[in-house]
Amino acid sequence: MKTMEGNDKQNHARLLGPVSLFFMVMLMLAACTANEDADFSAEDSDDATSDVVDDASQDDAEDLSMTALVSETSEGGKIAETDERLTCATITRTGDKASGVIRIDFGDGCKDKRGRTRRGAIVVTYTGYWAEAGSSWVMTFDNYFVDNVLLAGTRNVVNVTTDTLRRRFQVDMEDGVATWPDGRIARRRVHHIREHERDNNNILMRLIIYGTAEGNHRNGRGYQIEILEPLIYTRECAAEGVFIPVQGVKLIKHGNRQITIDYGDGTCDNVVTLINVNGRKKDIRVIGG
């Protein structure tokens, strides 16, 4: 009896070994999933998407205004004619090279070759020749939409260039607003430096941005942003329909929570990587970039 009982215990232990291991693995996987869900809430993903789209739409508008400004006030051919985003817009200017107003009007709807639709107008009021240090301009919107997101606010830009090989512009916006189709509103204050890398024909090849921002996302959560590694937009990726940065890192803080957004290594895609304080990572594809 003792021998049989001992064998039964051994057999039972052998059976419990793999069963116990199976349940332990399942519990660990469940715990990991639970931790990942806790580390990246739905609001975190919504915050990141909202921030990337809001930022990219505002930066796109400023890039368009800059392209029109350079085109309308520089010698030679009009650069705006080579930018597919502006081929269906009506650009008008009053004034001269030294000062004036430029209106970029997309009318009731103007879809570019990458499927992005803009409507309404961007208005640029400038003083001084854009390429010279000390020149400035103000960008505003007139019922301007990007893919049904209404943009508003005033961006003040000053040329603070010290090296003509890479022109630098200080950008300040206190009242940026993005109203989404569902009525939710995001607000943004921006204090950035933008560096332009242009080719010999004055065409912008890379846009480099660093600085800070703050406001509230469309879900109402307040935030503070610091760009840890310069955000880089490229003409090459924009031509492929990628209007968000393709390199750079920014930190978003919401009270005690914080998320880092890594834009990647320069690959032309609309994917960003979220990183939490524990180093966990999650890739998301942003819409509207």
C-alpha atoms as a PDB file:
ATOM      1  CA  MET A   1       0.000   0.000   0.000  1.00  0.00           C
ATOM      2  CA  LYS A   2       2.795   2.389   0.835  1.00  0.00           C
ATOM      3  CA  THR A   3       4.439   1.588  -2.502  1.00  0.00           C
ATOM      4  CA  MET A   4       1.205   2.168  -4.430  1.00  0.00           C
ATOM      5  CA  GLU A   5       0.508   5.370  -2.523  1.00  0.00           C
ATOM      6  CA  GLY A   6       4.001   6.578  -3.260  1.00  0.00           C
ATOM      7  CA  ASN A   7       3.608   5.787  -6.954  1.00  0.00           C
ATOM      8  CA  ASP A   8       0.249   7.571  -7.041  1.00  0.00           C
ATOM      9  CA  LYS A   9       1.820  10.663  -5.500  1.00  0.00           C
ATOM     10  CA  GLN A  10       4.671  10.566  -7.988  1.00  0.00           C
ATOM     11  CA  ASN A  11       2.272  10.138 -10.921  1.00  0.00           C
ATOM     12  CA  HIS A  12       0.088  12.940  -9.571  1.00  0.00           C
ATOM     13  CA  ALA A  13       3.125  15.190  -9.238  1.00  0.00           C
ATOM     14  CA  ARG A  14       4.175  14.371 -12.790  1.00  0.00           C
ATOM     15  CA  LEU A  15       0.662  15.279 -14.004  1.00  0.00           C
ATOM     16  CA  LEU A  16       0.533  18.474 -11.995  1.00  0.00           C
ATOM     17  CA  GLY A  17       3.925  19.597 -13.286  1.00  0.00           C
ATOM     18  CA  PRO A  18       2.902  20.530 -16.857  1.00  0.00           C
ATOM     19  CA  VAL A  19      -0.614  21.524 -15.777  1.00  0.00           C
ATOM     20  CA  SER A  20       0.758  23.889 -13.154  1.00  0.00           C
ATOM     21  CA  LEU A  21       3.267  25.263 -15.629  1.00  0.00           C
ATOM     22  CA  PHE A  22       0.481  25.847 -18.168  1.00  0.00           C
ATOM     23  CA  PHE A  23      -1.637  27.777 -15.679  1.00  0.00           C
ATOM     24  CA  MET A  24       1.387  29.744 -14.479  1.00  0.00           C
ATOM     25  CA  VAL A  25       2.180  30.788 -18.064  1.00  0.00           C
ATOM     26  CA  MET A  26      -1.447  31.753 -18.672  1.00  0.00           C
ATOM     27  CA  LEU A  27      -1.520  33.801 -15.476  1.00  0.00           C
ATOM     28  CA  MET A  28       1.702  35.553 -16.451  1.00  0.00           C
ATOM     29  CA  LEU A  29       0.329  36.347 -19.923  1.00  0.00           C
ATOM     30  CA  ALA A  30      -2.878  37.649 -18.396  1.00  0.00           C
ATOM     31  CA  ALA A  31      -0.881  39.758 -15.963  1.00  0.00           C
ATOM     32  CA  CYS A  32       1.264  41.141 -18.786  1.00  0.00           C
ATOM     33  CA  THR A  33      -1.835  41.969 -20.838  1.00  0.00           C
ATOM     34  CA  ALA A  34      -3.453  43.594 -17.835  1.00  0.00           C
ATOM     35  CA  ASN A  35      -0.285  45.622 -17.188  1.00  0.00           C
ATOM     36  CA  GLU A  36      -0.069  46.697 -20.814  1.00  0.00           C
ATOM     37  CA  ASP A  37      -3.723  47.764 -20.783  1.00  0.00           C
ATOM     38  CA  ALA A  38      -3.112  49.669 -17.559  1.00  0.00           C
ATOM     39  CA  ASP A  39       0.079  51.252 -18.929  1.00  0.00           C
ATOM     40  CA  PHE A  40      -1.570  52.405 -22.172  1.00  0.00           C
ATOM     41  CA  SER A  41      -5.143  53.525 -21.638  1.00  0.00           C
ATOM     42  CA  ALA A  42      -7.528  54.377 -24.477  1.00  0.00           C
ATOM     43  CA  GLU A  43      -7.031  58.008 -23.491  1.00  0.00           C
ATOM     44  CA  ASP A  44      -3.258  57.693 -23.986  1.00  0.00           C
ATOM     45  CA  SER A  45      -3.753  56.534 -27.578  1.00  0.00           C
ATOM     46  CA  ASP A  46      -6.404  59.208 -28.163  1.00  0.00           C
ATOM     47  CA  ASP A  47      -4.088  61.868 -26.695  1.00  0.00           C
ATOM     48  CA  ALA A  48      -1.208  60.792 -28.927  1.00  0.00           C
ATOM     49  CA  THR A  49      -3.356  60.659 -32.069  1.00  0.00           C
ATOM     50  CA  SER A  50      -4.967  64.015 -31.307  1.00  0.00           C
ATOM     51  CA  ASP A  51      -1.609  65.633 -30.626  1.00  0.00           C
ATOM     52  CA  VAL A  52       0.063  64.261 -33.756  1.00  0.00           C
ATOM     53  CA  VAL A  53      -2.838  65.258 -36.041  1.00  0.00           C
ATOM     54  CA  ASP A  54      -3.305  68.717 -34.485  1.00  0.00           C
ATOM     55  CA  ASP A  55       0.406  69.437 -34.664  1.00  0.00           C
ATOM     56  CA  ALA A  56       0.820  68.127 -38.207  1.00  0.00           C
ATOM     57  CA  SER A  57      -2.203  70.115 -39.475  1.00  0.00           C
ATOM     58  CA  GLN A  58      -0.914  73.356 -37.941  1.00  0.00           C
ATOM     59  CA  ASP A  59       2.628  72.719 -39.203  1.00  0.00           C
ATOM     60  CA  ASP A  60       1.282  71.850 -42.652  1.00  0.00           C
ATOM     61  CA  ALA A  61      -0.629  75.156 -42.749  1.00  0.00           C
ATOM     62  CA  GLU A  62       2.460  77.075 -41.722  1.00  0.00           C
ATOM     63  CA  ASP A  63       4.529  75.264 -44.339  1.00  0.00           C
ATOM     64  CA  LEU A  64       1.942  76.181 -46.986  1.00  0.00           C
ATOM     65  CA  SER A  65       1.982  79.813 -45.883  1.00  0.00           C
ATOM     66  CA  MET A  66       5.774  79.836 -45.988  1.00  0.00           C
ATOM     67  CA  THR A  67       5.805  78.254 -49.449  1.00  0.00           C
ATOM     68  CA  ALA A  68       3.374  80.887 -50.738  1.00  0.00           C
ATOM     69  CA  LEU A  69       5.343  83.689 -49.067  1.00  0.00           C
ATOM     70  CA  VAL A  70       8.635  82.564 -50.600  1.00  0.00           C
ATOM     71  CA  SER A  71       6.970  82.029 -53.972  1.00  0.00           C
ATOM     72  CA  GLU A  72       5.216  85.400 -54.104  1.00  0.00           C
ATOM     73  CA  THR A  73       8.117  87.541 -52.882  1.00  0.00           C
ATOM     74  CA  SER A  74      11.225  85.876 -54.354  1.00  0.00           C
ATOM     75  CA  GLU A  75      12.793  86.374 -57.750  1.00  0.00           C
ATOM     76  CA  GLY A  76      12.383  83.731 -60.437  1.00  0.00           C
ATOM     77  CA  GLY A  77       9.660  81.136 -60.938  1.00  0.00           C
ATOM     78  CA  LYS A  78       6.851  80.618 -58.480  1.00  0.00           C
ATOM     79  CA  ILE A  79       7.722  77.793 -56.111  1.00  0.00           C
ATOM     80  CA  ALA A  80       4.053  77.315 -55.175  1.00  0.00           C
ATOM     81  CA  GLU A  81       3.380  75.993 -58.672  1.00  0.00           C
ATOM     82  CA  THR A  82       5.585  72.968 -57.930  1.00  0.00           C
ATOM     83  CA  ASP A  83       3.815  72.107 -54.659  1.00  0.00           C
ATOM     84  CA  GLU A  84       0.942  69.722 -55.396  1.00  0.00           C
ATOM     85  CA  ARG A  85      -0.858  70.813 -52.210  1.00  0.00           C
ATOM     86  CA  LEU A  86      -1.308  74.263 -53.732  1.00  0.00           C
ATOM     87  CA  THR A  87      -2.129  73.409 -57.340  1.00  0.00           C
ATOM     88  CA  CYS A  88      -5.878  73.773 -56.777  1.00  0.00           C
ATOM     89  CA  ALA A  89      -5.638  76.794 -54.467  1.00  0.00           C
ATOM     90  CA  THR A  90      -6.026  80.410 -55.536  1.00  0.00           C
ATOM     91  CA  ILE A  91      -3.142  82.552 -54.270  1.00  0.00           C
ATOM     92  CA  THR A  92      -3.468  86.334 -54.291  1.00  0.00           C
ATOM     93  CA  ARG A  93      -1.124  89.015 -52.987  1.00  0.00           C
ATOM     94  CA  THR A  94      -1.514  92.678 -52.208  1.00  0.00           C
ATOM     95  CA  GLY A  95       1.545  94.800 -51.462  1.00  0.00           C
ATOM     96  CA  ASP A  96       5.144  94.267 -52.550  1.00  0.00           C
ATOM     97  CA  LYS A  97       8.274  92.364 -51.560  1.00  0.00           C
ATOM     98  CA  ALA A  98       8.704  94.455 -48.408  1.00  0.00           C
ATOM     99  CA  SER A  99       5.203  94.105 -46.949  1.00  0.00           C
ATOM    100  CA  GLY A 100       1.744  92.923 -47.854  1.00  0.00           C
ATOM    101  CA  VAL A 101      -0.903  90.233 -47.482  1.00  0.00           C
ATOM    102  CA  ILE A 102      -1.079  86.820 -49.151  1.00  0.00           C
ATOM    103  CA  ARG A 103      -4.305  84.810 -49.239  1.00  0.00           C
ATOM    104  CA  ILE A 104      -4.234  81.070 -49.985  1.00  0.00           C
ATOM    105  CA  ASP A 105      -7.821  80.126 -50.791  1.00  0.00           C
ATOM    106  CA  PHE A 106      -8.891  76.492 -51.195  1.00  0.00           C
ATOM    107  CA  GLY A 107     -12.508  77.432 -51.841  1.00  0.00           C
ATOM    108  CA  ASP A 108     -15.245  74.946 -50.983  1.00  0.00           C
ATOM    109  CA  GLY A 109     -12.909  71.977 -51.059  1.00  0.00           C
ATOM    110  CA  CYS A 110      -9.600  71.117 -52.653  1.00  0.00           C
ATOM    111  CA  LYS A 111      -8.224  67.567 -52.535  1.00  0.00           C
ATOM    112  CA  ASP A 112      -4.514  67.048 -53.173  1.00  0.00           C
ATOM    113  CA  LYS A 113      -3.033  64.018 -54.920  1.00  0.00           C
ATOM    114  CA  ARG A 114      -2.599  62.247 -51.584  1.00  0.00           C
ATOM    115  CA  GLY A 115      -6.275  62.485 -50.714  1.00  0.00           C
ATOM    116  CA  ARG A 116      -6.051  65.273 -48.143  1.00  0.00           C
ATOM    117  CA  THR A 117      -8.859  67.816 -48.470  1.00  0.00           C
ATOM    118  CA  ARG A 118      -8.476  71.468 -47.498  1.00  0.00           C
ATOM    119  CA  ARG A 119     -11.101  74.211 -47.663  1.00  0.00           C
ATOM    120  CA  GLY A 120     -11.309  77.799 -46.576  1.00  0.00           C
ATOM    121  CA  ALA A 121      -8.267  80.063 -46.563  1.00  0.00           C
ATOM    122  CA  ILE A 122      -4.929  80.771 -44.910  1.00  0.00           C
ATOM    123  CA  VAL A 123      -3.999  84.450 -44.653  1.00  0.00           C
ATOM    124  CA  VAL A 124      -0.405  85.663 -44.280  1.00  0.00           C
ATOM    125  CA  THR A 125       0.391  89.285 -43.363  1.00  0.00           C
ATOM    126  CA  TYR A 126       4.128  89.957 -43.724  1.00  0.00           C
ATOM    127  CA  THR A 127       6.630  92.719 -42.982  1.00  0.00           C
ATOM    128  CA  GLY A 128      10.127  92.632 -44.446  1.00  0.00           C
ATOM    129  CA  TYR A 129      11.649  90.200 -46.920  1.00  0.00           C
ATOM    130  CA  TRP A 130      11.151  86.684 -45.503  1.00  0.00           C
ATOM    131  CA  ALA A 131      14.791  85.584 -45.971  1.00  0.00           C
ATOM    132  CA  GLU A 132      16.276  88.461 -43.957  1.00  0.00           C
ATOM    133  CA  ALA A 133      16.767  88.314 -40.206  1.00  0.00           C
ATOM    134  CA  GLY A 134      14.201  90.462 -38.416  1.00  0.00           C
ATOM    135  CA  SER A 135      11.439  89.977 -40.968  1.00  0.00           C
ATOM    136  CA  SER A 136       8.125  88.732 -39.608  1.00  0.00           C
ATOM    137  CA  TRP A 137       4.656  87.592 -40.554  1.00  0.00           C
ATOM    138  CA  VAL A 138       1.365  86.613 -38.991  1.00  0.00           C
ATOM    139  CA  MET A 139      -0.624  83.586 -40.152  1.00  0.00           C
ATOM    140  CA  THR A 140      -4.373  83.386 -39.527  1.00  0.00           C
ATOM    141  CA  PHE A 141      -7.234  81.221 -40.808  1.00  0.00           C
ATOM    142  CA  ASP A 142     -10.494  82.037 -42.540  1.00  0.00           C
ATOM    143  CA  ASN A 143     -12.889  79.113 -41.979  1.00  0.00           C
ATOM    144  CA  TYR A 144     -10.024  76.746 -42.784  1.00  0.00           C
ATOM    145  CA  PHE A 145     -10.537  72.965 -42.630  1.00  0.00           C
ATOM    146  CA  VAL A 146      -8.172  70.029 -43.094  1.00  0.00           C
ATOM    147  CA  ASP A 147     -10.065  66.750 -43.584  1.00  0.00           C
ATOM    148  CA  ASN A 148     -13.083  68.201 -41.717  1.00  0.00           C
ATOM    149  CA  VAL A 149     -10.999  69.450 -38.766  1.00  0.00           C
ATOM    150  CA  LEU A 150     -11.504  73.230 -38.366  1.00  0.00           C
ATOM    151  CA  LEU A 151      -8.333  75.149 -37.482  1.00  0.00           C
ATOM    152  CA  ALA A 152      -8.184  78.567 -35.839  1.00  0.00           C
ATOM    153  CA  GLY A 153      -5.585  80.721 -34.139  1.00  0.00           C
ATOM    154  CA  THR A 154      -2.802  83.203 -34.861  1.00  0.00           C
ATOM    155  CA  ARG A 155       0.813  82.190 -35.437  1.00  0.00           C
ATOM    156  CA  ASN A 156       3.464  84.880 -35.136  1.00  0.00           C
ATOM    157  CA  VAL A 157       6.714  84.130 -36.946  1.00  0.00           C
ATOM    158  CA  VAL A 158      10.022  86.023 -36.737  1.00  0.00           C
ATOM    159  CA  ASN A 159      13.147  85.307 -38.773  1.00  0.00           C
ATOM    160  CA  VAL A 160      15.968  84.796 -36.237  1.00  0.00           C
ATOM    161  CA  THR A 161      18.512  83.426 -38.716  1.00  0.00           C
ATOM    162  CA  THR A 162      22.202  83.622 -37.925  1.00  0.00           C
ATOM    163  CA  ASP A 163      23.342  81.083 -40.555  1.00  0.00           C
ATOM    164  CA  THR A 164      21.881  81.413 -44.053  1.00  0.00           C
ATOM    165  CA  LEU A 165      22.601  77.740 -44.780  1.00  0.00           C
ATOM    166  CA  ARG A 166      19.857  76.839 -42.285  1.00  0.00           C
ATOM    167  CA  ARG A 167      17.360  79.626 -41.747  1.00  0.00           C
ATOM    168  CA  ARG A 168      15.716  79.741 -38.317  1.00  0.00           C
ATOM    169  CA  PHE A 169      12.276  81.074 -37.418  1.00  0.00           C
ATOM    170  CA  GLN A 170      10.734  81.618 -34.015  1.00  0.00           C
ATOM    171  CA  VAL A 171       7.063  80.616 -33.905  1.00  0.00           C
ATOM    172  CA  ASP A 172       4.630  81.605 -31.164  1.00  0.00           C
ATOM    173  CA  MET A 173       0.918  80.794 -31.016  1.00  0.00           C
ATOM    174  CA  GLU A 174      -1.224  81.415 -27.944  1.00  0.00           C
ATOM    175  CA  ASP A 175      -4.713  80.620 -29.230  1.00  0.00           C
ATOM    176  CA  GLY A 176      -4.530  77.553 -31.458  1.00  0.00           C
ATOM    177  CA  VAL A 177      -7.826  75.667 -31.737  1.00  0.00           C
ATOM    178  CA  ALA A 178      -8.755  72.482 -33.607  1.00  0.00           C
ATOM    179  CA  THR A 179     -12.454  71.578 -33.734  1.00  0.00           C
ATOM    180  CA  TRP A 180     -13.077  67.952 -34.692  1.00  0.00           C
ATOM    181  CA  PRO A 181     -16.099  66.756 -36.682  1.00  0.00           C
ATOM    182  CA  ASP A 182     -17.766  65.390 -33.526  1.00  0.00           C
ATOM    183  CA  GLY A 183     -17.620  68.860 -31.933  1.00  0.00           C
ATOM    184  CA  ARG A 184     -14.750  68.148 -29.543  1.00  0.00           C
ATOM    185  CA  ILE A 185     -12.178  70.942 -29.263  1.00  0.00           C
ATOM    186  CA  ALA A 186      -8.419  70.841 -28.737  1.00  0.00           C
ATOM    187  CA  ARG A 187      -6.495  73.957 -27.712  1.00  0.00           C
ATOM    188  CA  ARG A 188      -2.798  74.602 -28.129  1.00  0.00           C
ATOM    189  CA  ARG A 189      -0.112  77.155 -27.235  1.00  0.00           C
ATOM    190  CA  VAL A 190       3.155  76.777 -29.121  1.00  0.00           C
ATOM    191  CA  HIS A 191       6.676  78.138 -28.691  1.00  0.00           C
ATOM    192  CA  HIS A 192       8.863  76.580 -31.366  1.00  0.00           C
ATOM    193  CA  ILE A 193      12.008  77.141 -33.368  1.00  0.00           C
ATOM    194  CA  ARG A 194      11.722  75.968 -36.974  1.00  0.00           C
ATOM    195  CA  GLU A 195      14.787  75.402 -39.121  1.00  0.00           C
ATOM    196  CA  HIS A 196      14.508  75.187 -42.895  1.00  0.00           C
ATOM    197  CA  GLU A 197      16.832  73.185 -45.111  1.00  0.00           C
ATOM    198  CA  ARG A 198      16.252  74.305 -48.705  1.00  0.00           C
ATOM    199  CA  ASP A 199      17.815  73.335 -52.007  1.00  0.00           C
ATOM    200  CA  ASN A 200      19.370  75.719 -54.517  1.00  0.00           C
ATOM    201  CA  ASN A 201      15.904  76.540 -55.895  1.00  0.00           C
ATOM    202  CA  ASN A 202      14.620  77.571 -52.450  1.00  0.00           C
ATOM    203  CA  ILE A 203      12.453  74.446 -52.232  1.00  0.00           C
ATOM    204  CA  LEU A 204      12.079  73.186 -48.663  1.00  0.00           C
ATOM    205  CA  MET A 205      13.609  69.712 -48.316  1.00  0.00           C
ATOM    206  CA  ARG A 206      13.582  69.247 -44.521  1.00  0.00           C
ATOM    207  CA  LEU A 207      11.778  71.048 -41.727  1.00  0.00           C
ATOM    208  CA  ILE A 208      13.294  70.722 -38.254  1.00  0.00           C
ATOM    209  CA  ILE A 209      11.274  71.750 -35.185  1.00  0.00           C
ATOM    210  CA  TYR A 210      12.043  71.961 -31.480  1.00  0.00           C
ATOM    211  CA  GLY A 211      10.544  73.736 -28.481  1.00  0.00           C
ATOM    212  CA  THR A 212       7.497  73.362 -26.214  1.00  0.00           C
ATOM    213  CA  ALA A 213       3.695  73.388 -26.331  1.00  0.00           C
ATOM    214  CA  GLU A 214       0.783  73.117 -23.918  1.00  0.00           C
ATOM    215  CA  GLY A 215      -2.999  73.080 -23.938  1.00  0.00           C
ATOM    216  CA  ASN A 216      -5.745  70.463 -23.818  1.00  0.00           C
ATOM    217  CA  HIS A 217      -6.549  67.551 -26.106  1.00  0.00           C
ATOM    218  CA  ARG A 218      -9.955  66.929 -27.666  1.00  0.00           C
ATOM    219  CA  ASN A 219     -10.844  64.640 -24.736  1.00  0.00           C
ATOM    220  CA  GLY A 220     -10.383  67.593 -22.359  1.00  0.00           C
ATOM    221  CA  ARG A 221      -7.152  66.409 -20.726  1.00  0.00           C
ATOM    222  CA  GLY A 222      -4.547  69.126 -20.244  1.00  0.00           C
ATOM    223  CA  TYR A 223      -0.978  68.520 -21.361  1.00  0.00           C
ATOM    224  CA  GLN A 224       2.529  69.913 -21.523  1.00  0.00           C
ATOM    225  CA  ILE A 225       4.906  68.978 -24.336  1.00  0.00           C
ATOM    226  CA  GLU A 226       8.666  69.131 -24.623  1.00  0.00           C
ATOM    227  CA  ILE A 227      10.443  68.123 -27.817  1.00  0.00           C
ATOM    228  CA  LEU A 228      13.337  65.957 -26.627  1.00  0.00           C
ATOM    229  CA  GLU A 229      14.817  65.298 -30.064  1.00  0.00           C
ATOM    230  CA  PRO A 230      14.041  67.652 -32.985  1.00  0.00           C
ATOM    231  CA  LEU A 231      11.001  66.686 -35.053  1.00  0.00           C
ATOM    232  CA  ILE A 232      11.868  66.291 -38.721  1.00  0.00           C
ATOM    233  CA  TYR A 233       9.483  66.579 -41.656  1.00  0.00           C
ATOM    234  CA  THR A 234      10.780  65.741 -45.127  1.00  0.00           C
ATOM    235  CA  ARG A 235       9.615  66.714 -48.586  1.00  0.00           C
ATOM    236  CA  GLU A 236      10.232  63.127 -49.730  1.00  0.00           C
ATOM    237  CA  CYS A 237       7.783  61.690 -47.182  1.00  0.00           C
ATOM    238  CA  ALA A 238       5.206  64.436 -47.763  1.00  0.00           C
ATOM    239  CA  ALA A 239       5.216  63.423 -51.437  1.00  0.00           C
ATOM    240  CA  GLU A 240       4.186  59.929 -50.264  1.00  0.00           C
ATOM    241  CA  GLY A 241       1.301  61.280 -48.202  1.00  0.00           C
ATOM    242  CA  VAL A 242       3.090  61.290 -44.840  1.00  0.00           C
ATOM    243  CA  PHE A 243       2.586  64.744 -43.330  1.00  0.00           C
ATOM    244  CA  ILE A 244       3.673  63.942 -39.763  1.00  0.00           C
ATOM    245  CA  PRO A 245       7.315  64.037 -38.605  1.00  0.00           C
ATOM    246  CA  VAL A 246       9.284  60.931 -39.530  1.00  0.00           C
ATOM    247  CA  GLN A 247      12.000  61.449 -36.907  1.00  0.00           C
ATOM    248  CA  GLY A 248      12.168  62.959 -33.453  1.00  0.00           C
ATOM    249  CA  VAL A 249      10.919  62.388 -29.917  1.00  0.00           C
ATOM    250  CA  LYS A 250       8.495  64.393 -27.804  1.00  0.00           C
ATOM    251  CA  LEU A 251       7.376  64.023 -24.191  1.00  0.00           C
ATOM    252  CA  ILE A 252       3.704  64.589 -23.263  1.00  0.00           C
ATOM    253  CA  LYS A 253       2.840  65.101 -19.590  1.00  0.00           C
ATOM    254  CA  HIS A 254      -0.685  64.877 -18.108  1.00  0.00           C
ATOM    255  CA  GLY A 255      -0.372  65.585 -14.409  1.00  0.00           C
ATOM    256  CA  ASN A 256       1.430  62.551 -12.966  1.00  0.00           C
ATOM    257  CA  ARG A 257       1.178  60.570 -16.215  1.00  0.00           C
ATOM    258  CA  GLN A 258       3.566  60.919 -19.100  1.00  0.00           C
ATOM    259  CA  ILE A 259       3.983  59.333 -22.501  1.00  0.00           C
ATOM    260  CA  THR A 260       6.874  59.663 -24.944  1.00  0.00           C
ATOM    261  CA  ILE A 261       6.137  59.675 -28.680  1.00  0.00           C
ATOM    262  CA  ASP A 262       8.920  58.381 -30.933  1.00  0.00           C
ATOM    263  CA  TYR A 263       8.380  59.251 -34.606  1.00  0.00           C
ATOM    264  CA  GLY A 264      10.898  56.739 -35.916  1.00  0.00           C
ATOM    265  CA  ASP A 265      14.104  56.599 -37.916  1.00  0.00           C
ATOM    266  CA  GLY A 266      13.076  58.526 -41.029  1.00  0.00           C
ATOM    267  CA  THR A 267      10.898  55.841 -42.645  1.00  0.00           C
ATOM    268  CA  CYS A 268       7.948  57.379 -44.485  1.00  0.00           C
ATOM    269  CA  ASP A 269       4.967  56.043 -42.529  1.00  0.00           C
ATOM    270  CA  ASN A 270       2.164  57.258 -40.263  1.00  0.00           C
ATOM    271  CA  VAL A 271       3.215  55.026 -37.358  1.00  0.00           C
ATOM    272  CA  VAL A 272       4.512  56.348 -34.039  1.00  0.00           C
ATOM    273  CA  THR A 273       5.732  54.473 -30.981  1.00  0.00           C
ATOM    274  CA  LEU A 274       4.357  55.274 -27.535  1.00  0.00           C
ATOM    275  CA  ILE A 275       6.721  54.676 -24.603  1.00  0.00           C
ATOM    276  CA  ASN A 276       5.596  54.834 -20.977  1.00  0.00           C
ATOM    277  CA  VAL A 277       7.629  55.558 -17.834  1.00  0.00           C
ATOM    278  CA  ASN A 278       8.331  51.825 -17.418  1.00  0.00           C
ATOM    279  CA  GLY A 279       9.809  51.575 -20.897  1.00  0.00           C
ATOM    280  CA  ARG A 280       6.867  49.641 -22.351  1.00  0.00           C
ATOM    281  CA  LYS A 281       6.242  50.373 -26.036  1.00  0.00           C
ATOM    282  CA  LYS A 282       3.172  50.389 -28.224  1.00  0.00           C
ATOM    283  CA  ASP A 283       2.973  51.248 -31.948  1.00  0.00           C
ATOM    284  CA  ILE A 284      -0.079  53.128 -33.205  1.00  0.00           C
ATOM    285  CA  ARG A 285      -1.044  54.327 -36.663  1.00  0.00           C
ATOM    286  CA  VAL A 286      -2.293  57.904 -36.598  1.00  0.00           C
ATOM    287  CA  ILE A 287      -5.012  59.046 -38.969  1.00  0.00           C
ATOM    288  CA  GLY A 288      -4.838  62.325 -40.789  1.00  0.00           C
ATOM    289  CA  GLY A 289      -1.059  62.585 -40.714  1.00  0.00           C
END
